[in-house]
Amino acid sequence: MEYLLKTIVYGNEIIIEEPESASFKTNTKNLLFCSISLIAIYVTWGMLQERIMTTAYEAKTYDVVLKEYETIKKKIEDPQFIIFYSRLFAFTSSALCIIYKKWKNQSKNEYGTAPFHLYSLCAFSNVVSSWFQYEALQYISFPMQVVSKSTKLIPVMLVGFILLNNRYKLYEYITAITITIGAVIFKLKSNDSFINDSTESLSSGILLIIGYLLFDAFTSNWQQKLFVRYRVNSVDMLCAITFFALQMTGVSYLTKESVDGNISNFISNYSFLKDLLVICTCSAFGQLIILYTIKKHGAIIFTIIMIVRQIIAIFLSRLIIFCTRSMSNCHQNF
């Protein structure tokens, strides 16, 4: 018990000999695995999120006048429930995985343990960055927010310089700026309704976006710092971060009156439960791959992958719209 308490409070740094650096071929294969996994998971997650928020599911509601339940078709009113249940699923599945490894004695002494409270910092920054992101939509258009996310590579480098004391060469800064400009141009070309925000709302929206970019940059860099110093296992970190994130978002969410309208009414709908389970599974695997990517390749590479993911998502979205319109025109001609 004493050892457990000391581990939680002070952590447990594992000092082992530095492994031989992997070959270029091995690193390339690992990077391809991380890139393809992240892109596939989060493109799928985005499509599922759109589906679950736009589909009218059959829901049971109680009619006070008739004093009986009636079945109606209703859309989800509060998107916050997706975040909450995704984190709950990620925490539960990672905790069960840790318990199973302990039971099977598969947990070798090759991973360290960071002081438990340190995980709360990246959990807090993750929650706050999400708040900034959603709050910004009240002041600026969604296309503008998408474009602003293309600039997150530079804040990640700046926070890495401050937090991790990373030193970047001139060509690395030039590369980052080039990637940022290229991504911004692509997204500007992909969004026809970009400039539609008033000057007053634009200033508030820009401040919120800056807050989102800084807190998001802190999250990935802080996770990298814990990986480097304590050699933490990705599953352990996922469990700890989602534990704190649940405390921060759970209380406010569960006390909202909209919960009854979101979950209780749909709980008997098989189609809704299936979609919710799939999106929670995608989210949990996605978070695990994110942590694994940061551990193996760092916050910079992870950020570049996510920028590429956004570009692919926009391209696929426009391709689907083009194909749908083409098929519609063909049917009209016939």
Protein backbone atom coordinates (compact mmCIF):
# COMPACT_ATOMS: atom_id res chain seq x y z
CA MET A 1 0.00 0.00 0.00
CA GLU A 2 2.82 2.38 0.88
CA TYR A 3 4.56 1.61 -2.44
CA LEU A 4 1.31 2.27 -4.32
CA LEU A 5 0.82 5.66 -2.64
CA LYS A 6 4.43 6.67 -3.30
CA THR A 7 4.08 5.67 -6.95
CA ILE A 8 0.91 7.74 -7.34
CA VAL A 9 2.38 10.82 -5.66
CA TYR A 10 6.01 10.72 -6.78
CA GLY A 11 5.92 8.42 -9.79
CA ASN A 12 8.43 5.77 -10.71
CA GLU A 13 11.18 6.62 -13.17
CA ILE A 14 12.60 3.58 -14.92
CA ILE A 15 16.29 3.90 -15.71
CA ILE A 16 17.31 1.47 -18.44
CA GLU A 17 19.97 1.47 -21.08
CA GLU A 18 19.05 3.43 -24.15
CA PRO A 19 17.94 0.97 -26.84
CA GLU A 20 19.70 1.02 -30.15
CA SER A 21 18.00 3.43 -32.50
CA ALA A 22 15.69 1.71 -34.94
CA SER A 23 16.67 1.56 -38.58
CA PHE A 24 15.28 4.00 -41.12
CA LYS A 25 13.18 1.21 -42.63
CA THR A 26 11.66 0.30 -39.25
CA ASN A 27 10.92 3.94 -38.41
CA THR A 28 9.32 4.46 -41.81
CA LYS A 29 7.08 1.41 -41.40
CA ASN A 30 6.06 2.54 -37.92
CA LEU A 31 5.35 6.07 -39.14
CA LEU A 32 3.23 4.72 -42.01
CA PHE A 33 1.29 2.57 -39.56
CA CYS A 34 0.62 5.56 -37.28
CA SER A 35 -0.31 7.83 -40.20
CA ILE A 36 -2.67 5.40 -41.91
CA SER A 37 -4.27 4.41 -38.59
CA LEU A 38 -4.87 8.01 -37.48
CA ILE A 39 -6.20 9.12 -40.86
CA ALA A 40 -8.50 6.09 -41.23
CA ILE A 41 -9.81 6.24 -37.66
CA TYR A 42 -10.50 9.98 -37.55
CA VAL A 43 -11.97 10.24 -41.04
CA THR A 44 -14.31 7.41 -40.00
CA TRP A 45 -14.95 9.13 -36.66
CA GLY A 46 -15.88 12.38 -38.40
CA MET A 47 -18.35 10.60 -40.68
CA LEU A 48 -19.88 8.76 -37.71
CA GLN A 49 -20.16 11.97 -35.71
CA GLU A 50 -21.98 13.66 -38.57
CA ARG A 51 -24.27 10.64 -38.91
CA ILE A 52 -25.18 10.43 -35.23
CA MET A 53 -25.84 14.20 -35.01
CA THR A 54 -27.97 14.41 -38.17
CA THR A 55 -29.96 11.16 -37.95
CA ALA A 56 -33.45 11.27 -36.47
CA TYR A 57 -33.62 8.21 -34.20
CA GLU A 58 -36.80 6.73 -32.78
CA ALA A 59 -37.11 7.87 -29.17
CA LYS A 60 -39.58 7.19 -26.39
CA THR A 61 -40.95 10.32 -24.72
CA TYR A 62 -43.45 10.63 -21.91
CA ASP A 63 -46.61 12.57 -22.70
CA VAL A 64 -47.67 14.38 -19.52
CA VAL A 65 -51.21 14.98 -20.80
CA LEU A 66 -51.92 11.44 -21.96
CA LYS A 67 -49.73 9.99 -19.18
CA GLU A 68 -48.17 7.43 -21.49
CA TYR A 69 -45.03 6.90 -23.56
CA GLU A 70 -45.07 7.63 -27.26
CA THR A 71 -42.48 6.92 -29.95
CA ILE A 72 -41.27 9.82 -32.05
CA LYS A 73 -38.33 10.49 -34.35
CA LYS A 74 -35.89 12.92 -32.78
CA LYS A 75 -32.36 14.21 -33.36
CA ILE A 76 -29.67 14.44 -30.68
CA GLU A 77 -29.86 17.90 -29.09
CA ASP A 78 -26.50 18.10 -27.28
CA PRO A 79 -23.23 17.02 -28.98
CA GLN A 80 -21.44 17.01 -25.60
CA PHE A 81 -22.70 13.52 -24.85
CA ILE A 82 -20.45 12.10 -27.61
CA ILE A 83 -17.37 13.49 -25.86
CA PHE A 84 -18.48 12.27 -22.44
CA TYR A 85 -19.33 8.70 -23.45
CA SER A 86 -16.26 8.43 -25.66
CA ARG A 87 -14.06 9.32 -22.68
CA LEU A 88 -16.00 6.96 -20.42
CA PHE A 89 -15.51 4.12 -22.90
CA ALA A 90 -11.79 4.92 -23.31
CA PHE A 91 -11.25 5.01 -19.53
CA THR A 92 -13.16 1.77 -18.92
CA SER A 93 -11.48 -0.18 -21.72
CA SER A 94 -7.96 1.03 -20.81
CA ALA A 95 -8.54 0.30 -17.11
CA LEU A 96 -9.73 -3.23 -17.93
CA CYS A 97 -6.65 -3.72 -20.13
CA ILE A 98 -4.35 -2.66 -17.27
CA ILE A 99 -6.14 -4.97 -14.81
CA TYR A 100 -5.87 -7.87 -17.24
CA LYS A 101 -2.13 -7.30 -17.74
CA LYS A 102 -1.58 -7.19 -13.98
CA TRP A 103 -3.63 -10.36 -13.51
CA LYS A 104 -1.65 -12.15 -16.22
CA ASN A 105 1.63 -10.72 -14.86
CA GLN A 106 2.36 -9.35 -18.32
CA SER A 107 3.41 -5.93 -17.02
CA LYS A 108 7.19 -6.06 -17.10
CA ASN A 109 9.39 -3.56 -15.34
CA GLU A 110 10.12 -1.71 -18.58
CA TYR A 111 7.69 1.18 -18.16
CA GLY A 112 7.77 3.95 -15.60
CA THR A 113 4.94 5.73 -13.83
CA ALA A 114 4.55 9.50 -13.75
CA PRO A 115 3.16 11.20 -10.63
CA PHE A 116 -0.59 10.89 -11.02
CA HIS A 117 -1.31 14.61 -10.74
CA LEU A 118 0.90 15.38 -13.76
CA TYR A 119 -1.63 13.65 -16.02
CA SER A 120 -4.25 16.18 -14.90
CA LEU A 121 -2.38 19.01 -16.66
CA CYS A 122 -2.73 17.58 -20.16
CA ALA A 123 -6.27 16.42 -19.34
CA PHE A 124 -7.15 19.96 -18.27
CA SER A 125 -5.54 21.52 -21.35
CA ASN A 126 -7.38 19.03 -23.56
CA VAL A 127 -10.75 19.90 -22.02
CA VAL A 128 -10.05 23.64 -22.19
CA SER A 129 -8.89 23.45 -25.83
CA SER A 130 -12.14 21.64 -26.70
CA TRP A 131 -14.11 24.39 -24.95
CA PHE A 132 -12.25 27.10 -26.90
CA GLN A 133 -12.87 25.20 -30.12
CA TYR A 134 -16.64 24.88 -29.65
CA GLU A 135 -17.01 28.38 -28.18
CA ALA A 136 -15.25 29.90 -31.21
CA LEU A 137 -18.05 28.63 -33.46
CA GLN A 138 -20.35 31.22 -31.88
CA TYR A 139 -18.21 34.03 -33.30
CA ILE A 140 -16.66 32.72 -36.52
CA SER A 141 -17.78 30.39 -39.28
CA PHE A 142 -16.91 26.71 -39.29
CA PRO A 143 -14.82 27.00 -42.51
CA MET A 144 -12.66 29.67 -40.87
CA GLN A 145 -12.13 27.47 -37.84
CA VAL A 146 -11.07 24.59 -40.08
CA VAL A 147 -8.56 26.85 -41.84
CA SER A 148 -7.17 28.11 -38.52
CA LYS A 149 -6.39 24.53 -37.47
CA SER A 150 -3.90 24.37 -40.32
CA THR A 151 -1.66 26.78 -38.41
CA LYS A 152 -1.30 24.56 -35.32
CA LEU A 153 2.15 23.29 -36.37
CA ILE A 154 3.85 26.59 -35.49
CA PRO A 155 2.31 26.83 -31.96
CA VAL A 156 3.37 23.22 -31.32
CA MET A 157 6.96 24.11 -32.20
CA LEU A 158 6.89 27.24 -30.02
CA VAL A 159 5.44 25.41 -27.02
CA GLY A 160 7.94 22.59 -27.57
CA PHE A 161 10.74 25.16 -27.49
CA ILE A 162 9.47 26.54 -24.15
CA LEU A 163 8.35 23.30 -22.50
CA LEU A 164 10.83 20.73 -23.79
CA ASN A 165 13.69 23.08 -24.65
CA ASN A 166 13.60 21.75 -28.20
CA ARG A 167 15.89 23.47 -30.65
CA TYR A 168 14.84 23.62 -34.28
CA LYS A 169 17.02 24.39 -37.26
CA LEU A 170 16.17 27.08 -39.79
CA TYR A 171 15.07 24.59 -42.45
CA GLU A 172 12.64 23.02 -39.95
CA TYR A 173 10.97 26.39 -39.35
CA ILE A 174 10.85 27.00 -43.11
CA THR A 175 9.30 23.55 -43.62
CA ALA A 176 6.69 24.22 -40.92
CA ILE A 177 5.76 27.57 -42.44
CA THR A 178 5.57 26.03 -45.93
CA ILE A 179 3.28 23.21 -44.73
CA THR A 180 1.09 25.74 -42.91
CA ILE A 181 0.76 28.04 -45.93
CA GLY A 182 0.04 25.11 -48.24
CA ALA A 183 -2.65 23.71 -45.94
CA VAL A 184 -4.27 27.13 -45.50
CA ILE A 185 -4.37 27.74 -49.28
CA PHE A 186 -5.89 24.31 -49.89
CA LYS A 187 -8.60 24.85 -47.29
CA LEU A 188 -9.34 28.37 -48.49
CA LYS A 189 -9.87 26.98 -51.99
CA SER A 190 -12.10 24.26 -50.53
CA ASN A 191 -14.38 26.63 -48.60
CA ASP A 192 -16.37 29.13 -50.63
CA SER A 193 -18.12 30.63 -47.55
CA PHE A 194 -14.95 31.50 -45.68
CA ILE A 195 -15.30 35.27 -45.36
CA ASN A 196 -18.73 35.78 -43.79
CA ASP A 197 -17.91 36.92 -40.26
CA SER A 198 -18.47 40.42 -38.89
CA THR A 199 -15.49 42.42 -37.61
CA GLU A 200 -16.79 42.38 -34.02
CA SER A 201 -17.30 38.63 -33.85
CA LEU A 202 -14.08 38.02 -35.77
CA SER A 203 -11.88 39.53 -33.05
CA SER A 204 -13.53 37.41 -30.34
CA GLY A 205 -13.31 34.32 -32.51
CA ILE A 206 -9.61 34.86 -33.24
CA LEU A 207 -8.84 35.17 -29.51
CA LEU A 208 -10.68 31.91 -28.83
CA ILE A 209 -8.88 30.17 -31.70
CA ILE A 210 -5.52 31.35 -30.32
CA GLY A 211 -6.50 29.89 -26.95
CA TYR A 212 -7.43 26.61 -28.64
CA LEU A 213 -4.14 26.42 -30.55
CA LEU A 214 -2.01 27.14 -27.46
CA PHE A 215 -3.77 24.68 -25.15
CA ASP A 216 -3.83 22.03 -27.89
CA ALA A 217 -0.08 22.54 -28.45
CA PHE A 218 0.55 22.24 -24.71
CA THR A 219 -1.38 18.94 -24.56
CA SER A 220 0.74 17.05 -27.09
CA ASN A 221 4.03 18.53 -25.85
CA TRP A 222 3.25 17.72 -22.22
CA GLN A 223 2.40 14.15 -23.17
CA GLN A 224 5.71 13.90 -25.01
CA LYS A 225 7.50 15.22 -21.92
CA LEU A 226 5.96 12.50 -19.73
CA PHE A 227 6.89 9.83 -22.28
CA VAL A 228 10.50 11.01 -22.44
CA ARG A 229 11.05 11.42 -18.71
CA TYR A 230 9.06 8.53 -17.22
CA ARG A 231 8.83 6.07 -20.15
CA VAL A 232 5.10 5.76 -19.55
CA ASN A 233 3.01 3.09 -21.25
CA SER A 234 0.49 4.51 -23.74
CA VAL A 235 -2.39 2.53 -22.21
CA ASP A 236 -1.52 3.76 -18.69
CA MET A 237 -1.44 7.36 -19.91
CA LEU A 238 -4.76 6.98 -21.72
CA CYS A 239 -6.37 5.62 -18.56
CA ALA A 240 -5.00 8.42 -16.35
CA ILE A 241 -5.84 11.26 -18.76
CA THR A 242 -9.40 10.07 -19.39
CA PHE A 243 -9.87 9.61 -15.62
CA PHE A 244 -9.17 13.30 -15.01
CA ALA A 245 -11.07 14.38 -18.13
CA LEU A 246 -14.15 12.52 -16.89
CA GLN A 247 -14.01 14.37 -13.57
CA MET A 248 -13.84 17.71 -15.38
CA THR A 249 -16.62 17.10 -17.89
CA GLY A 250 -18.79 14.49 -16.17
CA VAL A 251 -20.26 16.59 -13.37
CA SER A 252 -21.33 19.46 -15.61
CA TYR A 253 -22.71 17.10 -18.24
CA LEU A 254 -24.63 14.75 -15.95
CA THR A 255 -26.31 17.64 -14.14
CA LYS A 256 -27.67 19.14 -17.35
CA GLU A 257 -31.36 18.68 -18.00
CA SER A 258 -30.64 17.79 -21.62
CA VAL A 259 -29.17 14.43 -20.58
CA ASP A 260 -32.60 12.90 -20.19
CA GLY A 261 -33.49 14.08 -23.67
CA ASN A 262 -30.29 12.69 -25.18
CA ILE A 263 -29.75 9.25 -23.72
CA SER A 264 -32.74 8.02 -21.74
CA ASN A 265 -35.12 8.48 -24.67
CA PHE A 266 -32.83 6.61 -27.08
CA ILE A 267 -31.60 3.84 -24.78
CA SER A 268 -33.92 1.22 -26.31
CA ASN A 269 -32.99 2.12 -29.88
CA TYR A 270 -30.63 -0.53 -31.26
CA SER A 271 -29.48 1.61 -34.19
CA PHE A 272 -28.55 4.49 -31.87
CA LEU A 273 -26.68 2.24 -29.43
CA LYS A 274 -24.78 0.62 -32.31
CA ASP A 275 -23.70 4.00 -33.72
CA LEU A 276 -22.72 5.22 -30.25
CA LEU A 277 -20.65 2.08 -29.58
CA VAL A 278 -18.83 2.36 -32.92
CA ILE A 279 -17.99 6.05 -32.47
CA CYS A 280 -16.79 5.42 -28.88
CA THR A 281 -14.60 2.55 -30.10
CA CYS A 282 -13.11 4.73 -32.86
CA SER A 283 -12.45 7.50 -30.35
CA ALA A 284 -10.73 5.17 -27.86
CA PHE A 285 -8.49 3.57 -30.49
CA GLY A 286 -7.79 6.98 -31.96
CA GLN A 287 -6.65 8.38 -28.61
CA LEU A 288 -4.43 5.35 -28.07
CA ILE A 289 -2.82 5.73 -31.51
CA ILE A 290 -2.33 9.46 -30.83
CA LEU A 291 -0.40 8.70 -27.64
CA TYR A 292 1.60 5.96 -29.37
CA THR A 293 2.48 8.34 -32.23
CA ILE A 294 3.59 11.08 -29.83
CA LYS A 295 5.66 8.55 -27.89
CA LYS A 296 7.42 7.16 -30.97
CA HIS A 297 7.67 10.21 -33.23
CA GLY A 298 6.95 13.31 -31.13
CA ALA A 299 4.36 16.08 -31.12
CA ILE A 300 5.56 17.70 -34.37
CA ILE A 301 5.10 14.59 -36.53
CA PHE A 302 1.73 13.92 -34.90
CA THR A 303 0.56 17.45 -35.73
CA ILE A 304 1.65 17.11 -39.37
CA ILE A 305 -0.29 13.83 -39.64
CA MET A 306 -3.44 15.47 -38.28
CA ILE A 307 -3.11 18.38 -40.74
CA VAL A 308 -2.84 15.87 -43.61
CA ARG A 309 -5.86 14.06 -42.17
CA GLN A 310 -7.92 17.25 -42.36
CA ILE A 311 -6.89 17.82 -45.98
CA ILE A 312 -7.88 14.25 -46.90
CA ALA A 313 -11.20 14.64 -45.08
CA ILE A 314 -12.00 17.84 -47.01
CA PHE A 315 -10.98 16.20 -50.30
CA LEU A 316 -13.17 13.13 -49.63
CA SER A 317 -16.08 15.33 -48.57
CA ARG A 318 -15.95 17.35 -51.79
CA LEU A 319 -15.49 14.16 -53.83
CA ILE A 320 -18.61 12.63 -52.26
CA ILE A 321 -20.60 15.80 -52.93
CA PHE A 322 -19.38 15.87 -56.56
CA CYS A 323 -20.26 12.19 -57.11
CA THR A 324 -23.69 12.67 -55.51
CA ARG A 325 -24.47 15.66 -57.74
CA SER A 326 -23.21 13.82 -60.83
CA MET A 327 -25.42 10.81 -60.11
CA SER A 328 -28.39 13.11 -59.47
CA ASN A 329 -27.85 14.87 -62.81
CA CYS A 330 -27.61 11.52 -64.60
CA HIS A 331 -30.93 10.38 -63.12
CA GLN A 332 -32.57 13.66 -64.15
CA ASN A 333 -31.31 13.29 -67.72
CA PHE A 334 -32.74 9.80 -67.95
